[in-house]
Amino acid sequence: MGFPKLSMKEFPNIYSRIQKILNHNGVELHLLREDELHPTISGNKFRKLKYNIQTFKEGKFQALLTFGGAYSNHIVATAAAGKEFGFQTIGVIRGDELVDKINENPSLSFAKSCGMKFKFIDRTTYRNKNDKDFIRDLKNEFGDVFIIPEGGSNELAVKGCEEILYESTDAFDFVCTSVGTAGTISGIVRSSKEHQRILGFPALKNADFLNDEIKKFTNKQNFQLIQDYHFGGYAKFSDELIEFINNFKRQYNVTLDPIYTGKMIFGLFQMIESNQFENGQKILAVHTGGLQGIHGFNQLLKKKNKSTIE
């Protein structure tokens, strides 16, 4: 398909197509193809960055600075946006051991090719990334920078994610999304209709705190976190998950990432098969992209002599 050519004047309003996946005992599952929004500013990152970049441009900052790990989709999307729109990006990367391994890492090497500058910090220091003193030190080092938090989730990001749903999604009883930093689900909850229930599938374990994160952005309570499909925690996986992702690709010609959407779809298949939805109910699952990380993920799988994602 043809991807939109973006301009800073019009970060366009785009509505993703809806693809029917299955009808099982009267329960329909459809996929909202947010992964098709843009080849490198992918999925929910496209939504999260839209108003952040507009605000950044209006403020005449020197650079846009953000945070992430070695395989961060947000780091990749931010770097790609900097190249596309012509502004400097800075990535504060968790793990100072990576400083000499940029070229070995597909995500970081791509971000570097887009012109992103890096600051690598140790994992202990990284935990202080939101502290006022740490932010002050970053501004002293890099100048007048516009800062976006890890994962891209702030009020401007949530505003962008409100635009995921549109008129054609009103027909669904459930809207489902994977959850990392809670920005995407918060936007979806905000723009959801009264009859809709929003199901979030956290990519990490012990995710009760995400309920409070969502409540920071919305007073609506029509959401629920399904915490049974994290596969042991963030970026954890099993052979069963990889097999499911590959079988899904063969059957529906859709690639799922193993960190977020793959886990959600795996969970939805199990929930549908165990009759946790009622006959006649329609489910919309949001494919949030993240496919750029598969290359690096497959490198890790090969090192463990595991089957890779096709």
Protein backbone atom coordinates (compact mmCIF):
# COMPACT_ATOMS: atom_id res chain seq x y z
CA MET A 1 0.00 0.00 0.00
CA GLY A 2 1.06 3.62 -0.43
CA PHE A 3 2.13 5.41 2.71
CA PRO A 4 1.32 9.12 3.14
CA LYS A 5 4.03 11.67 2.52
CA LEU A 6 4.01 13.82 5.60
CA SER A 7 4.48 17.56 5.87
CA MET A 8 4.84 19.57 9.04
CA LYS A 9 1.85 21.72 8.13
CA GLU A 10 -0.45 18.75 7.99
CA PHE A 11 0.32 15.69 10.08
CA PRO A 12 -2.67 14.16 8.36
CA ASN A 13 -5.84 12.75 9.86
CA ILE A 14 -5.74 9.13 8.71
CA TYR A 15 -8.25 6.42 9.51
CA SER A 16 -6.90 2.89 9.46
CA ARG A 17 -8.69 0.13 7.62
CA ILE A 18 -10.53 -2.60 9.48
CA GLN A 19 -9.71 -6.21 8.59
CA LYS A 20 -12.01 -9.05 9.60
CA ILE A 21 -10.08 -11.92 11.16
CA LEU A 22 -12.59 -14.51 12.31
CA ASN A 23 -16.13 -15.38 13.40
CA HIS A 24 -16.12 -18.01 16.13
CA ASN A 25 -19.45 -19.14 17.57
CA GLY A 26 -21.01 -15.82 16.60
CA VAL A 27 -18.18 -13.70 18.05
CA GLU A 28 -16.41 -11.53 15.48
CA LEU A 29 -12.80 -10.39 15.75
CA HIS A 30 -11.52 -7.55 13.55
CA LEU A 31 -8.12 -5.87 13.35
CA LEU A 32 -7.62 -2.10 13.09
CA ARG A 33 -4.52 -1.81 10.93
CA GLU A 34 -2.67 1.06 12.61
CA ASP A 35 0.53 -0.74 11.62
CA GLU A 36 -0.08 0.51 8.06
CA LEU A 37 0.00 4.23 8.93
CA HIS A 38 3.65 4.82 8.01
CA PRO A 39 6.67 2.58 7.32
CA THR A 40 8.89 3.99 10.09
CA ILE A 41 6.70 6.29 12.21
CA SER A 42 4.61 3.25 12.89
CA GLY A 43 1.27 2.58 14.51
CA ASN A 44 0.52 4.24 17.83
CA LYS A 45 3.86 6.11 17.68
CA PHE A 46 2.45 8.04 14.71
CA ARG A 47 -0.50 9.07 16.90
CA LYS A 48 1.61 9.85 19.96
CA LEU A 49 4.09 12.01 18.08
CA LYS A 50 1.59 14.06 16.07
CA TYR A 51 0.80 16.81 18.59
CA ASN A 52 4.16 16.52 20.35
CA ILE A 53 5.94 17.39 17.10
CA GLN A 54 3.52 20.22 16.34
CA THR A 55 4.14 21.69 19.80
CA PHE A 56 7.89 21.19 19.43
CA LYS A 57 7.90 23.08 16.12
CA GLU A 58 5.79 25.93 17.47
CA GLY A 59 8.15 26.40 20.43
CA LYS A 60 11.32 26.79 18.35
CA PHE A 61 13.29 24.34 20.48
CA GLN A 62 16.82 23.30 19.48
CA ALA A 63 16.11 19.57 19.54
CA LEU A 64 13.61 16.93 20.58
CA LEU A 65 14.87 14.63 23.34
CA THR A 66 13.33 11.38 24.49
CA PHE A 67 14.12 8.12 26.28
CA GLY A 68 14.09 4.40 25.54
CA GLY A 69 15.76 1.02 25.60
CA ALA A 70 17.85 -0.78 23.02
CA TYR A 71 14.88 -1.96 20.94
CA SER A 72 12.48 0.90 21.59
CA ASN A 73 9.84 1.47 18.91
CA HIS A 74 9.47 5.00 20.26
CA ILE A 75 13.16 5.78 19.75
CA VAL A 76 12.97 4.52 16.16
CA ALA A 77 9.79 6.46 15.38
CA THR A 78 11.14 9.68 16.92
CA ALA A 79 14.38 9.42 14.96
CA ALA A 80 12.43 8.74 11.75
CA ALA A 81 10.21 11.76 12.39
CA GLY A 82 13.28 13.93 12.90
CA LYS A 83 14.62 12.87 9.53
CA GLU A 84 11.25 13.26 7.81
CA PHE A 85 10.54 16.72 9.21
CA GLY A 86 14.12 17.99 9.43
CA PHE A 87 14.85 18.47 13.12
CA GLN A 88 17.49 17.20 15.55
CA THR A 89 16.60 14.28 17.81
CA ILE A 90 18.39 13.03 20.92
CA GLY A 91 17.87 9.60 22.47
CA VAL A 92 18.73 8.93 26.10
CA ILE A 93 19.29 5.18 26.01
CA ARG A 94 19.01 2.75 28.93
CA GLY A 95 22.20 0.69 29.25
CA ASP A 96 25.68 2.23 28.99
CA GLU A 97 27.01 -1.13 27.79
CA LEU A 98 25.40 -0.36 24.41
CA VAL A 99 27.65 2.58 23.62
CA ASP A 100 29.99 0.44 21.49
CA LYS A 101 27.25 -1.79 20.05
CA ILE A 102 25.16 0.65 18.02
CA ASN A 103 25.94 -1.00 14.70
CA GLU A 104 25.04 -4.42 16.10
CA ASN A 105 21.58 -3.22 17.12
CA PRO A 106 19.04 -2.78 14.28
CA SER A 107 16.94 -0.21 16.13
CA LEU A 108 19.81 1.97 17.30
CA SER A 109 21.67 1.77 13.99
CA PHE A 110 18.51 2.86 12.15
CA ALA A 111 17.98 5.74 14.59
CA LYS A 112 21.60 6.79 14.09
CA SER A 113 21.13 6.72 10.31
CA CYS A 114 18.23 9.13 10.77
CA GLY A 115 20.55 11.57 12.54
CA MET A 116 19.64 10.86 16.15
CA LYS A 117 22.32 11.64 18.74
CA PHE A 118 22.65 9.31 21.72
CA LYS A 119 23.38 9.60 25.40
CA PHE A 120 23.88 6.19 27.01
CA ILE A 121 23.35 5.94 30.75
CA ASP A 122 23.53 3.05 33.19
CA ARG A 123 20.33 1.34 34.22
CA THR A 124 20.40 2.66 37.79
CA THR A 125 20.70 6.27 36.66
CA TYR A 126 18.03 5.69 34.04
CA ARG A 127 15.45 5.07 36.77
CA ASN A 128 15.86 8.74 37.72
CA LYS A 129 14.97 9.96 34.22
CA ASN A 130 11.94 11.90 35.44
CA ASP A 131 13.68 13.63 38.36
CA LYS A 132 13.95 17.41 38.14
CA ASP A 133 17.71 17.39 38.76
CA PHE A 134 18.28 14.84 36.02
CA ILE A 135 16.16 16.82 33.55
CA ARG A 136 18.04 20.00 34.49
CA ASP A 137 21.36 18.28 33.78
CA LEU A 138 20.11 17.15 30.38
CA LYS A 139 19.07 20.70 29.49
CA ASN A 140 22.43 22.01 30.64
CA GLU A 141 24.13 19.48 28.35
CA PHE A 142 21.90 19.74 25.28
CA GLY A 143 20.39 23.22 25.51
CA ASP A 144 16.76 24.19 25.00
CA VAL A 145 15.26 20.77 24.24
CA PHE A 146 11.65 19.62 24.03
CA ILE A 147 11.35 16.48 26.16
CA ILE A 148 8.99 13.58 25.48
CA PRO A 149 8.83 10.85 28.16
CA GLU A 150 9.73 7.21 27.64
CA GLY A 151 7.20 5.50 25.39
CA GLY A 152 5.96 8.89 24.23
CA SER A 153 3.02 9.01 26.66
CA ASN A 154 1.97 12.47 27.79
CA GLU A 155 -1.14 14.62 27.41
CA LEU A 156 -0.26 15.48 23.80
CA ALA A 157 0.25 11.80 22.99
CA VAL A 158 -3.11 10.87 24.50
CA LYS A 159 -4.74 13.61 22.41
CA GLY A 160 -3.25 12.01 19.30
CA CYS A 161 -4.42 8.54 20.32
CA GLU A 162 -7.98 9.82 20.62
CA GLU A 163 -7.91 9.87 16.80
CA ILE A 164 -7.42 6.09 16.50
CA LEU A 165 -11.17 5.51 16.72
CA TYR A 166 -13.53 6.96 14.11
CA GLU A 167 -17.06 6.52 12.79
CA SER A 168 -16.52 3.00 11.45
CA THR A 169 -15.27 1.75 14.83
CA ASP A 170 -18.49 2.74 16.59
CA ALA A 171 -20.08 -0.59 15.61
CA PHE A 172 -17.82 -2.61 17.94
CA ASP A 173 -18.71 -3.72 21.46
CA PHE A 174 -15.10 -4.16 22.59
CA VAL A 175 -11.98 -2.25 21.56
CA CYS A 176 -8.73 -3.95 22.57
CA THR A 177 -5.17 -2.68 22.66
CA SER A 178 -1.84 -3.74 24.08
CA VAL A 179 -0.58 -1.54 26.92
CA GLY A 180 2.93 -0.32 27.67
CA THR A 181 2.95 3.17 29.19
CA ALA A 182 -0.87 3.61 28.99
CA GLY A 183 -0.93 6.53 26.54
CA THR A 184 -2.64 4.65 23.72
CA ILE A 185 -5.35 3.05 25.83
CA SER A 186 -6.03 6.38 27.56
CA GLY A 187 -6.72 8.05 24.23
CA ILE A 188 -8.93 5.17 23.12
CA VAL A 189 -10.92 5.28 26.37
CA ARG A 190 -11.42 9.04 25.95
CA SER A 191 -12.85 8.73 22.43
CA SER A 192 -14.81 5.51 23.00
CA LYS A 193 -18.58 5.43 22.85
CA GLU A 194 -20.90 4.79 25.79
CA HIS A 195 -21.71 1.23 24.72
CA GLN A 196 -18.05 0.23 24.25
CA ARG A 197 -15.77 -1.55 26.70
CA ILE A 198 -12.02 -1.11 26.32
CA LEU A 199 -9.76 -4.08 27.10
CA GLY A 200 -6.07 -3.43 27.66
CA PHE A 201 -3.47 -6.19 27.48
CA PRO A 202 -0.34 -5.11 29.43
CA ALA A 203 2.97 -6.21 27.93
CA LEU A 204 4.50 -6.37 31.42
CA LYS A 205 3.62 -8.21 34.60
CA ASN A 206 2.48 -6.62 37.88
CA ALA A 207 0.64 -3.99 35.84
CA ASP A 208 -1.98 -2.86 38.35
CA PHE A 209 -0.28 0.56 38.47
CA LEU A 210 -1.41 1.16 34.88
CA ASN A 211 -4.97 1.63 36.13
CA ASP A 212 -3.80 4.77 37.93
CA GLU A 213 -1.84 5.92 34.87
CA ILE A 214 -4.99 5.72 32.74
CA LYS A 215 -7.01 7.60 35.37
CA LYS A 216 -4.55 10.50 35.10
CA PHE A 217 -5.86 11.12 31.58
CA THR A 218 -9.55 10.23 31.75
CA ASN A 219 -12.43 10.01 34.22
CA LYS A 220 -14.18 7.34 32.17
CA GLN A 221 -14.22 3.88 33.70
CA ASN A 222 -15.22 1.66 30.79
CA PHE A 223 -11.85 -0.11 30.68
CA GLN A 224 -10.32 -3.26 32.09
CA LEU A 225 -6.77 -4.60 32.11
CA ILE A 226 -6.37 -8.27 31.11
CA GLN A 227 -3.17 -9.35 32.84
CA ASP A 228 -2.98 -13.00 31.85
CA TYR A 229 -0.98 -12.73 28.63
CA HIS A 230 2.32 -10.99 29.37
CA PHE A 231 4.25 -14.30 29.04
CA GLY A 232 6.34 -13.56 32.12
CA GLY A 233 6.96 -9.85 31.61
CA TYR A 234 8.10 -7.23 29.15
CA ALA A 235 9.80 -8.76 26.08
CA LYS A 236 9.37 -12.23 27.59
CA PHE A 237 8.03 -14.91 25.29
CA SER A 238 7.47 -18.63 24.82
CA ASP A 239 7.83 -21.00 21.88
CA GLU A 240 4.03 -21.15 21.81
CA LEU A 241 3.81 -17.38 21.25
CA ILE A 242 6.32 -17.44 18.37
CA GLU A 243 4.49 -20.38 16.79
CA PHE A 244 1.18 -18.52 17.14
CA ILE A 245 2.61 -15.38 15.48
CA ASN A 246 3.96 -17.41 12.55
CA ASN A 247 0.70 -19.33 12.12
CA PHE A 248 -1.25 -16.07 12.22
CA LYS A 249 0.94 -14.65 9.47
CA ARG A 250 0.38 -17.72 7.29
CA GLN A 251 -3.38 -17.72 7.78
CA TYR A 252 -4.21 -13.98 7.69
CA ASN A 253 -1.14 -12.45 6.00
CA VAL A 254 -0.63 -10.12 8.97
CA THR A 255 2.65 -9.82 10.86
CA LEU A 256 2.34 -9.40 14.63
CA ASP A 257 5.10 -8.11 16.87
CA PRO A 258 6.05 -10.33 19.84
CA ILE A 259 6.20 -7.56 22.46
CA TYR A 260 2.73 -6.03 22.21
CA THR A 261 0.14 -6.94 19.57
CA GLY A 262 1.17 -10.59 19.28
CA LYS A 263 0.50 -11.17 22.97
CA MET A 264 -2.87 -9.39 22.79
CA ILE A 265 -4.08 -11.38 19.78
CA PHE A 266 -2.91 -14.62 21.41
CA GLY A 267 -4.94 -13.69 24.47
CA LEU A 268 -8.03 -12.74 22.47
CA PHE A 269 -7.97 -16.05 20.59
CA GLN A 270 -7.89 -17.92 23.90
CA MET A 271 -10.65 -15.77 25.38
CA ILE A 272 -12.87 -16.24 22.32
CA GLU A 273 -12.26 -20.00 22.24
CA SER A 274 -13.12 -20.29 25.95
CA ASN A 275 -16.41 -18.42 25.38
CA GLN A 276 -15.57 -15.32 27.42
CA PHE A 277 -17.50 -13.22 24.91
CA GLU A 278 -21.20 -13.52 24.08
CA ASN A 279 -22.75 -14.58 20.80
CA GLY A 280 -23.15 -11.56 18.52
CA GLN A 281 -20.47 -9.42 20.14
CA LYS A 282 -17.96 -7.67 17.90
CA ILE A 283 -14.35 -7.12 18.95
CA LEU A 284 -11.92 -4.64 17.43
CA ALA A 285 -8.23 -5.22 18.20
CA VAL A 286 -5.84 -2.35 17.48
CA HIS A 287 -2.61 -3.39 15.73
CA THR A 288 -0.22 -0.80 17.17
CA GLY A 289 2.69 -1.58 14.85
CA GLY A 290 6.12 -2.19 16.36
CA LEU A 291 7.19 -4.41 13.49
CA GLN A 292 10.60 -2.73 13.17
CA GLY A 293 11.69 -4.50 16.35
CA ILE A 294 11.27 -7.99 14.90
CA HIS A 295 14.70 -7.98 13.24
CA GLY A 296 16.44 -7.40 16.56
CA PHE A 297 14.14 -9.84 18.32
CA ASN A 298 15.02 -12.53 15.79
CA GLN A 299 18.72 -11.94 16.50
CA LEU A 300 18.04 -12.80 20.14
CA LEU A 301 16.01 -15.86 19.14
CA LYS A 302 18.84 -17.14 16.94
CA LYS A 303 21.32 -16.79 19.81
CA LYS A 304 19.04 -18.99 21.89
CA ASN A 305 18.62 -21.48 19.02
CA LYS A 306 14.91 -20.73 18.90
CA SER A 307 12.56 -20.56 15.93
CA THR A 308 12.39 -17.04 14.52
CA ILE A 309 9.46 -14.87 13.45
CA GLU A 310 8.80 -15.31 9.75
